[in-house]
Amino acid sequence: IGAPNPSIFDDGTYSVCISSICQGLNSQHVIEHMKNTEQRNEAVPFNESAIFEIAGMDSKLTFLSNSFSTVIIGSNYSIPNLPSFNRPVDTTLRDALYKKDVVLNSYVTHSNTAPFIVT
């Protein structure tokens, strides 16, 4: 699930995690930003308020939240809640173009994508 750039929050709201686990992520081009108001556990530094900054192959930064959304159907079934870039109210052409751009970008940048795309 996408997240905002932590730099848009007030100064001191988020800081870069410096634990040994986070340092291992940094070597893989992933930086964890943690909320400063929470008690942190060195052994498990990630929680639902964490924001991960990932540098893509094209140097584009992506920010992801550490969350998972599930839709529960009755008492026996659940499915992942897939993200939607369209607002349910007042849908615009702009929203559809954003969604199209995200899908096309995933086709090109995903690690499972073949080196060519056939149309």
PDB file of N, CA and C in Angstrom:
ATOM      1  N   ILE A   1       0.851  -1.165   0.000  1.00  0.00           N
ATOM      2  CA  ILE A   1       0.000   0.000   0.000  1.00  0.00           C
ATOM      3  C   ILE A   1       0.896   1.227   0.000  1.00  0.00           C
ATOM      4  N   GLY A   2       0.615   2.159  -0.860  1.00  0.00           N
ATOM      5  CA  GLY A   2       1.418   3.364  -0.960  1.00  0.00           C
ATOM      6  C   GLY A   2       1.338   4.224   0.295  1.00  0.00           C
ATOM      7  N   ALA A   3       2.364   5.016   0.500  1.00  0.00           N
ATOM      8  CA  ALA A   3       2.435   5.906   1.658  1.00  0.00           C
ATOM      9  C   ALA A   3       2.964   7.259   1.208  1.00  0.00           C
ATOM     10  N   PRO A   4       2.713   8.303   1.983  1.00  0.00           N
ATOM     11  CA  PRO A   4       3.274   9.610   1.633  1.00  0.00           C
ATOM     12  C   PRO A   4       4.758   9.670   1.957  1.00  0.00           C
ATOM     13  N   ASN A   5       5.450  10.572   1.303  1.00  0.00           N
ATOM     14  CA  ASN A   5       6.851  10.824   1.617  1.00  0.00           C
ATOM     15  C   ASN A   5       6.914  11.354   3.051  1.00  0.00           C
ATOM     16  N   PRO A   6       7.705  10.726   3.932  1.00  0.00           N
ATOM     17  CA  PRO A   6       7.751  11.165   5.330  1.00  0.00           C
ATOM     18  C   PRO A   6       8.202  12.615   5.496  1.00  0.00           C
ATOM     19  N   SER A   7       8.847  13.178   4.500  1.00  0.00           N
ATOM     20  CA  SER A   7       9.320  14.557   4.624  1.00  0.00           C
ATOM     21  C   SER A   7       8.180  15.577   4.584  1.00  0.00           C
ATOM     22  N   ILE A   8       6.959  15.157   4.181  1.00  0.00           N
ATOM     23  CA  ILE A   8       5.849  16.105   4.155  1.00  0.00           C
ATOM     24  C   ILE A   8       5.239  16.329   5.537  1.00  0.00           C
ATOM     25  N   PHE A   9       5.576  15.448   6.496  1.00  0.00           N
ATOM     26  CA  PHE A   9       5.086  15.613   7.856  1.00  0.00           C
ATOM     27  C   PHE A   9       5.898  16.689   8.563  1.00  0.00           C
ATOM     28  N   ASP A  10       5.399  17.170   9.682  1.00  0.00           N
ATOM     29  CA  ASP A  10       6.130  18.161  10.475  1.00  0.00           C
ATOM     30  C   ASP A  10       7.506  17.620  10.843  1.00  0.00           C
ATOM     31  N   ASP A  11       8.473  18.523  10.971  1.00  0.00           N
ATOM     32  CA  ASP A  11       9.823  18.121  11.378  1.00  0.00           C
ATOM     33  C   ASP A  11       9.755  17.334  12.673  1.00  0.00           C
ATOM     34  N   GLY A  12      10.498  16.223  12.708  1.00  0.00           N
ATOM     35  CA  GLY A  12      10.551  15.402  13.911  1.00  0.00           C
ATOM     36  C   GLY A  12       9.486  14.338  14.008  1.00  0.00           C
ATOM     37  N   THR A  13       8.549  14.282  13.043  1.00  0.00           N
ATOM     38  CA  THR A  13       7.503  13.258  13.091  1.00  0.00           C
ATOM     39  C   THR A  13       8.080  11.889  12.743  1.00  0.00           C
ATOM     40  N   TYR A  14       8.873  11.820  11.681  1.00  0.00           N
ATOM     41  CA  TYR A  14       9.513  10.574  11.265  1.00  0.00           C
ATOM     42  C   TYR A  14      11.025  10.763  11.247  1.00  0.00           C
ATOM     43  N   SER A  15      11.741   9.679  11.515  1.00  0.00           N
ATOM     44  CA  SER A  15      13.192   9.686  11.357  1.00  0.00           C
ATOM     45  C   SER A  15      13.611   8.351  10.760  1.00  0.00           C
ATOM     46  N   VAL A  16      14.811   8.313  10.209  1.00  0.00           N
ATOM     47  CA  VAL A  16      15.327   7.089   9.591  1.00  0.00           C
ATOM     48  C   VAL A  16      15.726   6.117  10.693  1.00  0.00           C
ATOM     49  N   CYS A  17      15.299   4.884  10.573  1.00  0.00           N
ATOM     50  CA  CYS A  17      15.638   3.834  11.533  1.00  0.00           C
ATOM     51  C   CYS A  17      17.133   3.524  11.425  1.00  0.00           C
ATOM     52  N   ILE A  18      17.811   3.411  12.572  1.00  0.00           N
ATOM     53  CA  ILE A  18      19.254   3.147  12.569  1.00  0.00           C
ATOM     54  C   ILE A  18      19.606   1.835  13.261  1.00  0.00           C
ATOM     55  N   SER A  19      18.617   0.972  13.532  1.00  0.00           N
ATOM     56  CA  SER A  19      18.905  -0.312  14.167  1.00  0.00           C
ATOM     57  C   SER A  19      19.684  -1.202  13.199  1.00  0.00           C
ATOM     58  N   SER A  20      20.246  -2.273  13.718  1.00  0.00           N
ATOM     59  CA  SER A  20      21.035  -3.182  12.875  1.00  0.00           C
ATOM     60  C   SER A  20      20.171  -3.823  11.794  1.00  0.00           C
ATOM     61  N   ILE A  21      18.925  -4.123  12.093  1.00  0.00           N
ATOM     62  CA  ILE A  21      18.019  -4.706  11.082  1.00  0.00           C
ATOM     63  C   ILE A  21      17.790  -3.704   9.960  1.00  0.00           C
ATOM     64  N   CYS A  22      17.587  -2.446  10.324  1.00  0.00           N
ATOM     65  CA  CYS A  22      17.354  -1.403   9.314  1.00  0.00           C
ATOM     66  C   CYS A  22      18.605  -1.168   8.472  1.00  0.00           C
ATOM     67  N   GLN A  23      19.769  -1.267   9.075  1.00  0.00           N
ATOM     68  CA  GLN A  23      21.008  -1.094   8.317  1.00  0.00           C
ATOM     69  C   GLN A  23      21.125  -2.169   7.236  1.00  0.00           C
ATOM     70  N   GLY A  24      20.648  -3.372   7.521  1.00  0.00           N
ATOM     71  CA  GLY A  24      20.630  -4.433   6.513  1.00  0.00           C
ATOM     72  C   GLY A  24      19.720  -4.086   5.353  1.00  0.00           C
ATOM     73  N   LEU A  25      18.594  -3.446   5.651  1.00  0.00           N
ATOM     74  CA  LEU A  25      17.690  -2.997   4.583  1.00  0.00           C
ATOM     75  C   LEU A  25      18.333  -1.902   3.748  1.00  0.00           C
ATOM     76  N   ASN A  26      19.037  -0.977   4.423  1.00  0.00           N
ATOM     77  CA  ASN A  26      19.658   0.137   3.709  1.00  0.00           C
ATOM     78  C   ASN A  26      20.626  -0.350   2.647  1.00  0.00           C
ATOM     79  N   SER A  27      21.290  -1.471   2.905  1.00  0.00           N
ATOM     80  CA  SER A  27      22.226  -2.001   1.912  1.00  0.00           C
ATOM     81  C   SER A  27      21.494  -2.542   0.686  1.00  0.00           C
ATOM     82  N   GLN A  28      20.182  -2.747   0.805  1.00  0.00           N
ATOM     83  CA  GLN A  28      19.365  -3.233  -0.316  1.00  0.00           C
ATOM     84  C   GLN A  28      18.532  -2.105  -0.926  1.00  0.00           C
ATOM     85  N   HIS A  29      18.927  -0.862  -0.685  1.00  0.00           N
ATOM     86  CA  HIS A  29      18.247   0.318  -1.229  1.00  0.00           C
ATOM     87  C   HIS A  29      16.847   0.502  -0.669  1.00  0.00           C
ATOM     88  N   VAL A  30      16.654   0.061   0.586  1.00  0.00           N
ATOM     89  CA  VAL A  30      15.388   0.259   1.286  1.00  0.00           C
ATOM     90  C   VAL A  30      15.692   1.006   2.580  1.00  0.00           C
ATOM     91  N   ILE A  31      14.972   2.084   2.831  1.00  0.00           N
ATOM     92  CA  ILE A  31      15.167   2.865   4.051  1.00  0.00           C
ATOM     93  C   ILE A  31      13.847   2.864   4.811  1.00  0.00           C
ATOM     94  N   GLU A  32      13.906   2.532   6.109  1.00  0.00           N
ATOM     95  CA  GLU A  32      12.692   2.568   6.914  1.00  0.00           C
ATOM     96  C   GLU A  32      12.642   3.870   7.683  1.00  0.00           C
ATOM     97  N   HIS A  33      11.501   4.542   7.582  1.00  0.00           N
ATOM     98  CA  HIS A  33      11.252   5.752   8.361  1.00  0.00           C
ATOM     99  C   HIS A  33      10.312   5.357   9.492  1.00  0.00           C
ATOM    100  N   MET A  34      10.695   5.665  10.715  1.00  0.00           N
ATOM    101  CA  MET A  34       9.864   5.293  11.857  1.00  0.00           C
ATOM    102  C   MET A  34       9.291   6.538  12.517  1.00  0.00           C
ATOM    103  N   LYS A  35       8.112   6.388  13.080  1.00  0.00           N
ATOM    104  CA  LYS A  35       7.457   7.498  13.763  1.00  0.00           C
ATOM    105  C   LYS A  35       8.160   7.722  15.096  1.00  0.00           C
ATOM    106  N   ASN A  36       8.505   8.943  15.388  1.00  0.00           N
ATOM    107  CA  ASN A  36       9.304   9.244  16.571  1.00  0.00           C
ATOM    108  C   ASN A  36       8.541   9.151  17.880  1.00  0.00           C
ATOM    109  N   THR A  37       7.220   9.127  17.858  1.00  0.00           N
ATOM    110  CA  THR A  37       6.437   9.146  19.094  1.00  0.00           C
ATOM    111  C   THR A  37       6.239   7.763  19.699  1.00  0.00           C
ATOM    112  N   GLU A  38       6.767   6.734  19.073  1.00  0.00           N
ATOM    113  CA  GLU A  38       6.510   5.366  19.533  1.00  0.00           C
ATOM    114  C   GLU A  38       7.743   4.745  20.153  1.00  0.00           C
ATOM    115  N   GLN A  39       7.498   3.849  21.110  1.00  0.00           N
ATOM    116  CA  GLN A  39       8.584   3.058  21.677  1.00  0.00           C
ATOM    117  C   GLN A  39       8.998   2.022  20.645  1.00  0.00           C
ATOM    118  N   ARG A  40      10.284   1.874  20.447  1.00  0.00           N
ATOM    119  CA  ARG A  40      10.767   0.949  19.420  1.00  0.00           C
ATOM    120  C   ARG A  40      11.403  -0.272  20.063  1.00  0.00           C
ATOM    121  N   ASN A  41      11.244  -1.393  19.435  1.00  0.00           N
ATOM    122  CA  ASN A  41      11.858  -2.637  19.867  1.00  0.00           C
ATOM    123  C   ASN A  41      12.993  -2.925  18.891  1.00  0.00           C
ATOM    124  N   GLU A  42      14.220  -2.976  19.379  1.00  0.00           N
ATOM    125  CA  GLU A  42      15.385  -3.192  18.522  1.00  0.00           C
ATOM    126  C   GLU A  42      15.266  -4.489  17.723  1.00  0.00           C
ATOM    127  N   ALA A  43      14.679  -5.528  18.334  1.00  0.00           N
ATOM    128  CA  ALA A  43      14.576  -6.822  17.650  1.00  0.00           C
ATOM    129  C   ALA A  43      13.527  -6.801  16.540  1.00  0.00           C
ATOM    130  N   VAL A  44      12.458  -6.012  16.714  1.00  0.00           N
ATOM    131  CA  VAL A  44      11.384  -5.931  15.725  1.00  0.00           C
ATOM    132  C   VAL A  44      11.067  -4.454  15.497  1.00  0.00           C
ATOM    133  N   PRO A  45      11.844  -3.779  14.651  1.00  0.00           N
ATOM    134  CA  PRO A  45      11.672  -2.331  14.515  1.00  0.00           C
ATOM    135  C   PRO A  45      10.509  -1.901  13.624  1.00  0.00           C
ATOM    136  N   PHE A  46       9.819  -2.848  12.995  1.00  0.00           N
ATOM    137  CA  PHE A  46       8.770  -2.467  12.053  1.00  0.00           C
ATOM    138  C   PHE A  46       7.398  -2.571  12.707  1.00  0.00           C
ATOM    139  N   ASN A  47       6.560  -1.586  12.484  1.00  0.00           N
ATOM    140  CA  ASN A  47       5.176  -1.652  12.928  1.00  0.00           C
ATOM    141  C   ASN A  47       4.298  -1.001  11.870  1.00  0.00           C
ATOM    142  N   GLU A  48       3.001  -0.852  12.154  1.00  0.00           N
ATOM    143  CA  GLU A  48       2.066  -0.366  11.133  1.00  0.00           C
ATOM    144  C   GLU A  48       2.272   1.094  10.746  1.00  0.00           C
ATOM    145  N   SER A  49       3.029   1.854  11.522  1.00  0.00           N
ATOM    146  CA  SER A  49       3.265   3.251  11.139  1.00  0.00           C
ATOM    147  C   SER A  49       4.563   3.434  10.356  1.00  0.00           C
ATOM    148  N   ALA A  50       5.307   2.350  10.138  1.00  0.00           N
ATOM    149  CA  ALA A  50       6.562   2.439   9.387  1.00  0.00           C
ATOM    150  C   ALA A  50       6.290   2.791   7.925  1.00  0.00           C
ATOM    151  N   ILE A  51       7.179   3.589   7.357  1.00  0.00           N
ATOM    152  CA  ILE A  51       7.116   3.921   5.933  1.00  0.00           C
ATOM    153  C   ILE A  51       8.446   3.499   5.315  1.00  0.00           C
ATOM    154  N   PHE A  52       8.378   2.697   4.263  1.00  0.00           N
ATOM    155  CA  PHE A  52       9.575   2.218   3.587  1.00  0.00           C
ATOM    156  C   PHE A  52       9.822   3.038   2.326  1.00  0.00           C
ATOM    157  N   GLU A  53      11.039   3.495   2.171  1.00  0.00           N
ATOM    158  CA  GLU A  53      11.458   4.248   0.981  1.00  0.00           C
ATOM    159  C   GLU A  53      12.299   3.307   0.133  1.00  0.00           C
ATOM    160  N   ILE A  54      11.877   3.100  -1.103  1.00  0.00           N
ATOM    161  CA  ILE A  54      12.551   2.151  -1.982  1.00  0.00           C
ATOM    162  C   ILE A  54      12.998   2.879  -3.235  1.00  0.00           C
ATOM    163  N   ALA A  55      14.280   2.734  -3.554  1.00  0.00           N
ATOM    164  CA  ALA A  55      14.813   3.327  -4.779  1.00  0.00           C
ATOM    165  C   ALA A  55      14.724   2.288  -5.880  1.00  0.00           C
ATOM    166  N   GLY A  56      13.958   2.591  -6.923  1.00  0.00           N
ATOM    167  CA  GLY A  56      13.803   1.665  -8.033  1.00  0.00           C
ATOM    168  C   GLY A  56      15.007   1.678  -8.949  1.00  0.00           C
ATOM    169  N   MET A  57      14.983   0.791  -9.933  1.00  0.00           N
ATOM    170  CA  MET A  57      16.098   0.702 -10.881  1.00  0.00           C
ATOM    171  C   MET A  57      16.268   1.994 -11.669  1.00  0.00           C
ATOM    172  N   ASP A  58      15.187   2.736 -11.823  1.00  0.00           N
ATOM    173  CA  ASP A  58      15.259   3.999 -12.555  1.00  0.00           C
ATOM    174  C   ASP A  58      15.480   5.184 -11.612  1.00  0.00           C
ATOM    175  N   SER A  59      15.889   4.911 -10.365  1.00  0.00           N
ATOM    176  CA  SER A  59      16.155   5.899  -9.323  1.00  0.00           C
ATOM    177  C   SER A  59      14.892   6.618  -8.865  1.00  0.00           C
ATOM    178  N   LYS A  60      13.728   6.147  -9.269  1.00  0.00           N
ATOM    179  CA  LYS A  60      12.469   6.724  -8.800  1.00  0.00           C
ATOM    180  C   LYS A  60      12.197   6.207  -7.397  1.00  0.00           C
ATOM    181  N   LEU A  61      11.864   7.111  -6.477  1.00  0.00           N
ATOM    182  CA  LEU A  61      11.574   6.716  -5.107  1.00  0.00           C
ATOM    183  C   LEU A  61      10.120   6.307  -4.970  1.00  0.00           C
ATOM    184  N   THR A  62       9.892   5.200  -4.261  1.00  0.00           N
ATOM    185  CA  THR A  62       8.556   4.716  -3.962  1.00  0.00           C
ATOM    186  C   THR A  62       8.430   4.621  -2.454  1.00  0.00           C
ATOM    187  N   PHE A  63       7.312   5.049  -1.905  1.00  0.00           N
ATOM    188  CA  PHE A  63       7.073   4.989  -0.473  1.00  0.00           C
ATOM    189  C   PHE A  63       5.918   4.031  -0.215  1.00  0.00           C
ATOM    190  N   LEU A  64       6.139   3.070   0.681  1.00  0.00           N
ATOM    191  CA  LEU A  64       5.134   2.060   0.985  1.00  0.00           C
ATOM    192  C   LEU A  64       4.876   2.008   2.475  1.00  0.00           C
ATOM    193  N   SER A  65       3.621   1.813   2.857  1.00  0.00           N
ATOM    194  CA  SER A  65       3.295   1.669   4.280  1.00  0.00           C
ATOM    195  C   SER A  65       3.413   0.199   4.653  1.00  0.00           C
ATOM    196  N   ASN A  66       3.645  -0.035   5.910  1.00  0.00           N
ATOM    197  CA  ASN A  66       3.792  -1.395   6.419  1.00  0.00           C
ATOM    198  C   ASN A  66       2.417  -1.863   6.898  1.00  0.00           C
ATOM    199  N   SER A  67       1.534  -2.092   5.950  1.00  0.00           N
ATOM    200  CA  SER A  67       0.181  -2.486   6.321  1.00  0.00           C
ATOM    201  C   SER A  67      -0.372  -3.476   5.313  1.00  0.00           C
ATOM    202  N   PHE A  68      -1.415  -4.156   5.732  1.00  0.00           N
ATOM    203  CA  PHE A  68      -2.083  -5.127   4.886  1.00  0.00           C
ATOM    204  C   PHE A  68      -3.573  -4.946   5.120  1.00  0.00           C
ATOM    205  N   SER A  69      -4.327  -4.856   4.081  1.00  0.00           N
ATOM    206  CA  SER A  69      -5.762  -4.640   4.196  1.00  0.00           C
ATOM    207  C   SER A  69      -6.497  -5.884   3.712  1.00  0.00           C
ATOM    208  N   THR A  70      -7.413  -6.373   4.525  1.00  0.00           N
ATOM    209  CA  THR A  70      -8.145  -7.600   4.207  1.00  0.00           C
ATOM    210  C   THR A  70      -9.643  -7.337   4.253  1.00  0.00           C
ATOM    211  N   VAL A  71     -10.355  -7.903   3.284  1.00  0.00           N
ATOM    212  CA  VAL A  71     -11.816  -7.857   3.274  1.00  0.00           C
ATOM    213  C   VAL A  71     -12.297  -9.199   3.817  1.00  0.00           C
ATOM    214  N   ILE A  72     -13.118  -9.156   4.858  1.00  0.00           N
ATOM    215  CA  ILE A  72     -13.639 -10.387   5.463  1.00  0.00           C
ATOM    216  C   ILE A  72     -15.062 -10.589   4.973  1.00  0.00           C
ATOM    217  N   ILE A  73     -15.317 -11.791   4.435  1.00  0.00           N
ATOM    218  CA  ILE A  73     -16.621 -12.125   3.878  1.00  0.00           C
ATOM    219  C   ILE A  73     -17.220 -13.223   4.748  1.00  0.00           C
ATOM    220  N   GLY A  74     -18.268 -12.884   5.460  1.00  0.00           N
ATOM    221  CA  GLY A  74     -18.852 -13.846   6.392  1.00  0.00           C
ATOM    222  C   GLY A  74     -17.865 -14.191   7.492  1.00  0.00           C
ATOM    223  N   SER A  75     -17.878 -15.429   7.934  1.00  0.00           N
ATOM    224  CA  SER A  75     -16.942 -15.837   8.984  1.00  0.00           C
ATOM    225  C   SER A  75     -15.879 -16.795   8.478  1.00  0.00           C
ATOM    226  N   ASN A  76     -15.980 -17.222   7.211  1.00  0.00           N
ATOM    227  CA  ASN A  76     -15.044 -18.230   6.708  1.00  0.00           C
ATOM    228  C   ASN A  76     -14.116 -17.757   5.596  1.00  0.00           C
ATOM    229  N   TYR A  77     -14.363 -16.593   5.027  1.00  0.00           N
ATOM    230  CA  TYR A  77     -13.604 -16.184   3.856  1.00  0.00           C
ATOM    231  C   TYR A  77     -12.986 -14.802   4.043  1.00  0.00           C
ATOM    232  N   SER A  78     -11.826 -14.633   3.454  1.00  0.00           N
ATOM    233  CA  SER A  78     -11.197 -13.307   3.425  1.00  0.00           C
ATOM    234  C   SER A  78     -10.354 -13.209   2.157  1.00  0.00           C
ATOM    235  N   ILE A  79     -10.251 -12.005   1.636  1.00  0.00           N
ATOM    236  CA  ILE A  79      -9.440 -11.755   0.445  1.00  0.00           C
ATOM    237  C   ILE A  79      -8.642 -10.473   0.675  1.00  0.00           C
ATOM    238  N   PRO A  80      -7.488 -10.354   0.002  1.00  0.00           N
ATOM    239  CA  PRO A  80      -6.754  -9.084   0.126  1.00  0.00           C
ATOM    240  C   PRO A  80      -7.555  -7.948  -0.490  1.00  0.00           C
ATOM    241  N   ASN A  81      -7.529  -6.814   0.143  1.00  0.00           N
ATOM    242  CA  ASN A  81      -8.205  -5.629  -0.381  1.00  0.00           C
ATOM    243  C   ASN A  81      -7.263  -4.953  -1.371  1.00  0.00           C
ATOM    244  N   LEU A  82      -7.517  -5.130  -2.646  1.00  0.00           N
ATOM    245  CA  LEU A  82      -6.643  -4.591  -3.680  1.00  0.00           C
ATOM    246  C   LEU A  82      -6.771  -3.074  -3.741  1.00  0.00           C
ATOM    247  N   PRO A  83      -5.657  -2.390  -3.949  1.00  0.00           N
ATOM    248  CA  PRO A  83      -5.728  -0.929  -3.977  1.00  0.00           C
ATOM    249  C   PRO A  83      -6.502  -0.422  -5.189  1.00  0.00           C
ATOM    250  N   SER A  84      -7.154   0.686  -4.992  1.00  0.00           N
ATOM    251  CA  SER A  84      -7.863   1.334  -6.078  1.00  0.00           C
ATOM    252  C   SER A  84      -7.404   2.781  -6.142  1.00  0.00           C
ATOM    253  N   PHE A  85      -7.098   3.238  -7.322  1.00  0.00           N
ATOM    254  CA  PHE A  85      -6.659   4.611  -7.502  1.00  0.00           C
ATOM    255  C   PHE A  85      -7.804   5.512  -7.930  1.00  0.00           C
ATOM    256  N   ASN A  86      -8.968   4.921  -8.112  1.00  0.00           N
ATOM    257  CA  ASN A  86     -10.146   5.707  -8.464  1.00  0.00           C
ATOM    258  C   ASN A  86     -10.926   6.009  -7.197  1.00  0.00           C
ATOM    259  N   ARG A  87     -11.351   7.255  -7.059  1.00  0.00           N
ATOM    260  CA  ARG A  87     -12.192   7.611  -5.922  1.00  0.00           C
ATOM    261  C   ARG A  87     -13.581   7.047  -6.176  1.00  0.00           C
ATOM    262  N   PRO A  88     -14.204   6.455  -5.164  1.00  0.00           N
ATOM    263  CA  PRO A  88     -15.530   5.878  -5.392  1.00  0.00           C
ATOM    264  C   PRO A  88     -16.582   6.933  -5.701  1.00  0.00           C
ATOM    265  N   VAL A  89     -16.355   8.152  -5.249  1.00  0.00           N
ATOM    266  CA  VAL A  89     -17.278   9.256  -5.523  1.00  0.00           C
ATOM    267  C   VAL A  89     -16.556  10.239  -6.435  1.00  0.00           C
ATOM    268  N   ASP A  90     -17.238  10.743  -7.437  1.00  0.00           N
ATOM    269  CA  ASP A  90     -16.675  11.758  -8.327  1.00  0.00           C
ATOM    270  C   ASP A  90     -15.440  11.241  -9.086  1.00  0.00           C
ATOM    271  N   THR A  91     -15.594  10.095  -9.726  1.00  0.00           N
ATOM    272  CA  THR A  91     -14.510   9.527 -10.522  1.00  0.00           C
ATOM    273  C   THR A  91     -14.217  10.443 -11.706  1.00  0.00           C
ATOM    274  N   THR A  92     -12.938  10.661 -11.991  1.00  0.00           N
ATOM    275  CA  THR A  92     -12.552  11.533 -13.096  1.00  0.00           C
ATOM    276  C   THR A  92     -11.643  10.792 -14.057  1.00  0.00           C
ATOM    277  N   LEU A  93     -11.472  11.359 -15.237  1.00  0.00           N
ATOM    278  CA  LEU A  93     -10.556  10.802 -16.222  1.00  0.00           C
ATOM    279  C   LEU A  93      -9.138  10.746 -15.655  1.00  0.00           C
ATOM    280  N   ARG A  94      -8.765  11.768 -14.872  1.00  0.00           N
ATOM    281  CA  ARG A  94      -7.437  11.808 -14.267  1.00  0.00           C
ATOM    282  C   ARG A  94      -7.178  10.549 -13.422  1.00  0.00           C
ATOM    283  N   ASP A  95      -8.174  10.117 -12.634  1.00  0.00           N
ATOM    284  CA  ASP A  95      -8.022   8.932 -11.800  1.00  0.00           C
ATOM    285  C   ASP A  95      -7.765   7.693 -12.652  1.00  0.00           C
ATOM    286  N   ALA A  96      -8.505   7.563 -13.750  1.00  0.00           N
ATOM    287  CA  ALA A  96      -8.316   6.418 -14.643  1.00  0.00           C
ATOM    288  C   ALA A  96      -6.924   6.446 -15.275  1.00  0.00           C
ATOM    289  N   LEU A  97      -6.440   7.626 -15.635  1.00  0.00           N
ATOM    290  CA  LEU A  97      -5.100   7.725 -16.222  1.00  0.00           C
ATOM    291  C   LEU A  97      -4.021   7.376 -15.202  1.00  0.00           C
ATOM    292  N   TYR A  98      -4.197   7.769 -13.946  1.00  0.00           N
ATOM    293  CA  TYR A  98      -3.243   7.387 -12.903  1.00  0.00           C
ATOM    294  C   TYR A  98      -3.178   5.874 -12.770  1.00  0.00           C
ATOM    295  N   LYS A  99      -4.353   5.238 -12.751  1.00  0.00           N
ATOM    296  CA  LYS A  99      -4.394   3.781 -12.595  1.00  0.00           C
ATOM    297  C   LYS A  99      -3.729   3.104 -13.792  1.00  0.00           C
ATOM    298  N   LYS A 100      -3.996   3.595 -14.989  1.00  0.00           N
ATOM    299  CA  LYS A 100      -3.373   3.036 -16.185  1.00  0.00           C
ATOM    300  C   LYS A 100      -1.852   3.160 -16.117  1.00  0.00           C
ATOM    301  N   ASP A 101      -1.366   4.316 -15.689  1.00  0.00           N
ATOM    302  CA  ASP A 101       0.077   4.527 -15.585  1.00  0.00           C
ATOM    303  C   ASP A 101       0.717   3.572 -14.587  1.00  0.00           C
ATOM    304  N   VAL A 102       0.053   3.330 -13.463  1.00  0.00           N
ATOM    305  CA  VAL A 102       0.592   2.414 -12.460  1.00  0.00           C
ATOM    306  C   VAL A 102       0.660   0.995 -13.007  1.00  0.00           C
ATOM    307  N   VAL A 103      -0.391   0.570 -13.699  1.00  0.00           N
ATOM    308  CA  VAL A 103      -0.408  -0.785 -14.266  1.00  0.00           C
ATOM    309  C   VAL A 103       0.686  -0.935 -15.320  1.00  0.00           C
ATOM    310  N   LEU A 104       0.790   0.025 -16.232  1.00  0.00           N
ATOM    311  CA  LEU A 104       1.827  -0.057 -17.264  1.00  0.00           C
ATOM    312  C   LEU A 104       3.220  -0.029 -16.654  1.00  0.00           C
ATOM    313  N   ASN A 105       3.417   0.799 -15.633  1.00  0.00           N
ATOM    314  CA  ASN A 105       4.713   0.860 -14.966  1.00  0.00           C
ATOM    315  C   ASN A 105       5.050  -0.483 -14.321  1.00  0.00           C
ATOM    316  N   SER A 106       4.058  -1.154 -13.729  1.00  0.00           N
ATOM    317  CA  SER A 106       4.322  -2.456 -13.104  1.00  0.00           C
ATOM    318  C   SER A 106       4.704  -3.497 -14.149  1.00  0.00           C
ATOM    319  N   TYR A 107       4.147  -3.395 -15.363  1.00  0.00           N
ATOM    320  CA  TYR A 107       4.515  -4.331 -16.421  1.00  0.00           C
ATOM    321  C   TYR A 107       5.992  -4.196 -16.785  1.00  0.00           C
ATOM    322  N   VAL A 108       6.489  -2.989 -16.757  1.00  0.00           N
ATOM    323  CA  VAL A 108       7.855  -2.721 -17.199  1.00  0.00           C
ATOM    324  C   VAL A 108       8.872  -2.928 -16.089  1.00  0.00           C
ATOM    325  N   THR A 109       8.525  -2.599 -14.850  1.00  0.00           N
ATOM    326  CA  THR A 109       9.514  -2.612 -13.773  1.00  0.00           C
ATOM    327  C   THR A 109       9.481  -3.853 -12.893  1.00  0.00           C
ATOM    328  N   HIS A 110       8.463  -4.692 -12.991  1.00  0.00           N
ATOM    329  CA  HIS A 110       8.382  -5.871 -12.128  1.00  0.00           C
ATOM    330  C   HIS A 110       9.481  -6.863 -12.489  1.00  0.00           C
ATOM    331  N   SER A 111      10.048  -7.510 -11.471  1.00  0.00           N
ATOM    332  CA  SER A 111      11.173  -8.430 -11.703  1.00  0.00           C
ATOM    333  C   SER A 111      10.777  -9.660 -12.522  1.00  0.00           C
ATOM    334  N   ASN A 112       9.482  -9.997 -12.577  1.00  0.00           N
ATOM    335  CA  ASN A 112       9.043 -11.156 -13.357  1.00  0.00           C
ATOM    336  C   ASN A 112       8.703 -10.819 -14.804  1.00  0.00           C
ATOM    337  N   THR A 113       8.826  -9.557 -15.195  1.00  0.00           N
ATOM    338  CA  THR A 113       8.499  -9.159 -16.543  1.00  0.00           C
ATOM    339  C   THR A 113       9.612  -9.592 -17.496  1.00  0.00           C
ATOM    340  N   ALA A 114       9.211 -10.173 -18.597  1.00  0.00           N
ATOM    341  CA  ALA A 114      10.196 -10.584 -19.606  1.00  0.00           C
ATOM    342  C   ALA A 114      10.910  -9.354 -20.165  1.00  0.00           C
ATOM    343  N   PRO A 115      12.064  -9.561 -20.793  1.00  0.00           N
ATOM    344  CA  PRO A 115      12.800  -8.401 -21.318  1.00  0.00           C
ATOM    345  C   PRO A 115      12.103  -7.710 -22.479  1.00  0.00           C
ATOM    346  N   PHE A 116      10.969  -8.215 -22.912  1.00  0.00           N
ATOM    347  CA  PHE A 116      10.227  -7.588 -24.003  1.00  0.00           C
ATOM    348  C   PHE A 116       8.738  -7.734 -23.723  1.00  0.00           C
ATOM    349  N   ILE A 117       7.945  -6.876 -24.289  1.00  0.00           N
ATOM    350  CA  ILE A 117       6.494  -6.966 -24.175  1.00  0.00           C
ATOM    351  C   ILE A 117       5.927  -7.003 -25.583  1.00  0.00           C
ATOM    352  N   VAL A 118       5.089  -8.006 -25.849  1.00  0.00           N
ATOM    353  CA  VAL A 118       4.487  -8.187 -27.163  1.00  0.00           C
ATOM    354  C   VAL A 118       3.091  -7.591 -27.127  1.00  0.00           C
ATOM    355  N   THR A 119       2.753  -6.854 -28.157  1.00  0.00           N
ATOM    356  CA  THR A 119       1.392  -6.298 -28.219  1.00  0.00           C
ATOM    357  C   THR A 119       0.587  -6.979 -29.288  1.00  0.00           C
TER     358      THR A 119
END
